[in-house]
């Protein structure tokens, strides 16, 4: 997994190094409410009444929060036939 801090540069570089006619697949973390593994620590802290963790420069869902901008950037650099869908990615936890 790679956390991308400047998605526009990442998209442009991916397009630049691809051979004409090739295909690419990118994953963007989805909806907060459907992704347990990225929110379990926050939920545990809330239930235990602990203070929130320090706020990072952006959260794990920052690209999904502006997904329309991200899609436009793919088209702007030259990608064609863009397909986007939400894929749940929950991991199930059991307590001891």
C-alpha atoms as a PDB file:
ATOM      1  CA  UNK A   1       0.000   0.000   0.000  1.00  0.00           C
ATOM      2  CA  UNK A   2       1.247   3.462  -0.808  1.00  0.00           C
ATOM      3  CA  UNK A   3      -0.150   6.607   0.692  1.00  0.00           C
ATOM      4  CA  UNK A   4      -0.172   9.260  -2.029  1.00  0.00           C
ATOM      5  CA  UNK A   5       0.234  12.838  -0.873  1.00  0.00           C
ATOM      6  CA  UNK A   6      -0.078  14.419  -4.329  1.00  0.00           C
ATOM      7  CA  UNK A   7      -2.454  12.278  -6.331  1.00  0.00           C
ATOM      8  CA  UNK A   8      -2.195  14.517  -9.415  1.00  0.00           C
ATOM      9  CA  UNK A   9       1.547  13.869  -9.755  1.00  0.00           C
ATOM     10  CA  UNK A  10       1.024  10.144  -9.174  1.00  0.00           C
ATOM     11  CA  UNK A  11      -1.658   9.894 -11.867  1.00  0.00           C
ATOM     12  CA  UNK A  12       0.399  11.897 -14.377  1.00  0.00           C
ATOM     13  CA  UNK A  13       3.528   9.806 -13.755  1.00  0.00           C
ATOM     14  CA  UNK A  14       1.605   6.546 -14.100  1.00  0.00           C
ATOM     15  CA  UNK A  15       0.214   7.683 -17.433  1.00  0.00           C
ATOM     16  CA  UNK A  16       3.631   8.901 -18.617  1.00  0.00           C
ATOM     17  CA  UNK A  17       5.388   5.554 -18.060  1.00  0.00           C
ATOM     18  CA  UNK A  18       2.629   3.368 -19.514  1.00  0.00           C
ATOM     19  CA  UNK A  19       2.924   1.961 -23.003  1.00  0.00           C
ATOM     20  CA  UNK A  20       0.201   3.078 -25.432  1.00  0.00           C
ATOM     21  CA  UNK A  21      -2.849   0.800 -25.215  1.00  0.00           C
ATOM     22  CA  UNK A  22      -1.952  -0.626 -21.805  1.00  0.00           C
ATOM     23  CA  UNK A  23      -4.303  -0.652 -18.832  1.00  0.00           C
ATOM     24  CA  UNK A  24      -3.955   0.401 -15.227  1.00  0.00           C
ATOM     25  CA  UNK A  25      -5.815  -0.242 -11.989  1.00  0.00           C
ATOM     26  CA  UNK A  26      -5.800   2.094  -9.009  1.00  0.00           C
ATOM     27  CA  UNK A  27      -7.336   1.694  -5.587  1.00  0.00           C
ATOM     28  CA  UNK A  28      -8.662   4.544  -3.476  1.00  0.00           C
ATOM     29  CA  UNK A  29      -9.776   3.895   0.093  1.00  0.00           C
ATOM     30  CA  UNK A  30     -13.513   4.009   0.127  1.00  0.00           C
ATOM     31  CA  UNK A  31     -16.179   5.148   2.449  1.00  0.00           C
ATOM     32  CA  UNK A  32     -15.325   5.567   6.105  1.00  0.00           C
ATOM     33  CA  UNK A  33     -18.469   3.705   7.214  1.00  0.00           C
ATOM     34  CA  UNK A  34     -17.545   0.643   5.107  1.00  0.00           C
ATOM     35  CA  UNK A  35     -13.887   0.302   6.059  1.00  0.00           C
ATOM     36  CA  UNK A  36     -13.425  -1.104   9.549  1.00  0.00           C
ATOM     37  CA  UNK A  37      -9.651  -1.652   9.398  1.00  0.00           C
ATOM     38  CA  UNK A  38      -8.949   2.049   8.909  1.00  0.00           C
ATOM     39  CA  UNK A  39     -11.285   3.220  11.687  1.00  0.00           C
ATOM     40  CA  UNK A  40     -11.039   0.566  14.421  1.00  0.00           C
ATOM     41  CA  UNK A  41      -8.461   2.477  16.514  1.00  0.00           C
ATOM     42  CA  UNK A  42     -10.530   5.657  16.361  1.00  0.00           C
ATOM     43  CA  UNK A  43     -13.676   3.715  17.355  1.00  0.00           C
ATOM     44  CA  UNK A  44     -11.867   2.002  20.266  1.00  0.00           C
ATOM     45  CA  UNK A  45     -10.523   5.312  21.573  1.00  0.00           C
ATOM     46  CA  UNK A  46     -14.012   6.836  21.418  1.00  0.00           C
ATOM     47  CA  UNK A  47     -15.573   3.923  23.318  1.00  0.00           C
ATOM     48  CA  UNK A  48     -12.862   4.046  25.988  1.00  0.00           C
ATOM     49  CA  UNK A  49     -13.266   7.810  26.375  1.00  0.00           C
ATOM     50  CA  UNK A  50      -9.671   8.473  25.346  1.00  0.00           C
ATOM     51  CA  UNK A  51      -8.678  11.685  23.584  1.00  0.00           C
ATOM     52  CA  UNK A  52      -8.476  11.530  19.789  1.00  0.00           C
ATOM     53  CA  UNK A  53      -5.153  10.735  18.169  1.00  0.00           C
ATOM     54  CA  UNK A  54      -3.207  13.597  16.565  1.00  0.00           C
ATOM     55  CA  UNK A  55      -4.737  14.660  13.269  1.00  0.00           C
ATOM     56  CA  UNK A  56      -2.615  13.665  10.263  1.00  0.00           C
ATOM     57  CA  UNK A  57      -2.198  16.055   7.275  1.00  0.00           C
ATOM     58  CA  UNK A  58      -5.114  14.216   5.689  1.00  0.00           C
ATOM     59  CA  UNK A  59      -7.138  11.186   6.669  1.00  0.00           C
ATOM     60  CA  UNK A  60      -7.173   7.770   4.995  1.00  0.00           C
ATOM     61  CA  UNK A  61     -10.259   8.760   3.032  1.00  0.00           C
ATOM     62  CA  UNK A  62      -9.085  12.112   1.637  1.00  0.00           C
ATOM     63  CA  UNK A  63      -9.199  10.985  -2.011  1.00  0.00           C
ATOM     64  CA  UNK A  64     -12.652   9.448  -1.724  1.00  0.00           C
ATOM     65  CA  UNK A  65     -13.916  12.699  -0.244  1.00  0.00           C
ATOM     66  CA  UNK A  66     -13.089  14.392  -3.567  1.00  0.00           C
ATOM     67  CA  UNK A  67     -13.533  11.434  -5.916  1.00  0.00           C
ATOM     68  CA  UNK A  68     -15.094  13.568  -8.663  1.00  0.00           C
ATOM     69  CA  UNK A  69     -11.923  15.689  -8.815  1.00  0.00           C
ATOM     70  CA  UNK A  70      -9.795  12.530  -8.913  1.00  0.00           C
ATOM     71  CA  UNK A  71     -11.814  11.091 -11.821  1.00  0.00           C
ATOM     72  CA  UNK A  72     -11.435  14.345 -13.762  1.00  0.00           C
ATOM     73  CA  UNK A  73      -7.668  14.252 -13.207  1.00  0.00           C
ATOM     74  CA  UNK A  74      -7.442  10.760 -14.753  1.00  0.00           C
ATOM     75  CA  UNK A  75      -9.269  12.047 -17.819  1.00  0.00           C
ATOM     76  CA  UNK A  76      -7.214  15.259 -17.955  1.00  0.00           C
ATOM     77  CA  UNK A  77      -3.879  13.416 -18.226  1.00  0.00           C
ATOM     78  CA  UNK A  78      -5.204  11.135 -20.967  1.00  0.00           C
ATOM     79  CA  UNK A  79      -6.673   7.984 -19.416  1.00  0.00           C
ATOM     80  CA  UNK A  80      -9.676   6.647 -21.351  1.00  0.00           C
ATOM     81  CA  UNK A  81     -12.475   4.236 -20.473  1.00  0.00           C
ATOM     82  CA  UNK A  82     -12.465   5.094 -16.775  1.00  0.00           C
ATOM     83  CA  UNK A  83     -14.477   2.691 -14.589  1.00  0.00           C
ATOM     84  CA  UNK A  84     -15.136   3.438 -10.935  1.00  0.00           C
ATOM     85  CA  UNK A  85     -16.975   1.403  -8.304  1.00  0.00           C
ATOM     86  CA  UNK A  86     -17.101   1.012  -4.548  1.00  0.00           C
ATOM     87  CA  UNK A  87     -15.665  -2.272  -3.301  1.00  0.00           C
ATOM     88  CA  UNK A  88     -16.181  -3.046   0.402  1.00  0.00           C
ATOM     89  CA  UNK A  89     -12.989  -4.082   2.147  1.00  0.00           C
ATOM     90  CA  UNK A  90     -13.901  -5.022   5.688  1.00  0.00           C
ATOM     91  CA  UNK A  91     -11.744  -7.206   7.856  1.00  0.00           C
ATOM     92  CA  UNK A  92     -13.501  -8.957  10.689  1.00  0.00           C
ATOM     93  CA  UNK A  93     -12.082  -8.726  14.199  1.00  0.00           C
ATOM     94  CA  UNK A  94     -12.757 -11.059  17.110  1.00  0.00           C
ATOM     95  CA  UNK A  95     -11.934 -10.228  20.667  1.00  0.00           C
ATOM     96  CA  UNK A  96      -9.904 -12.519  22.912  1.00  0.00           C
END
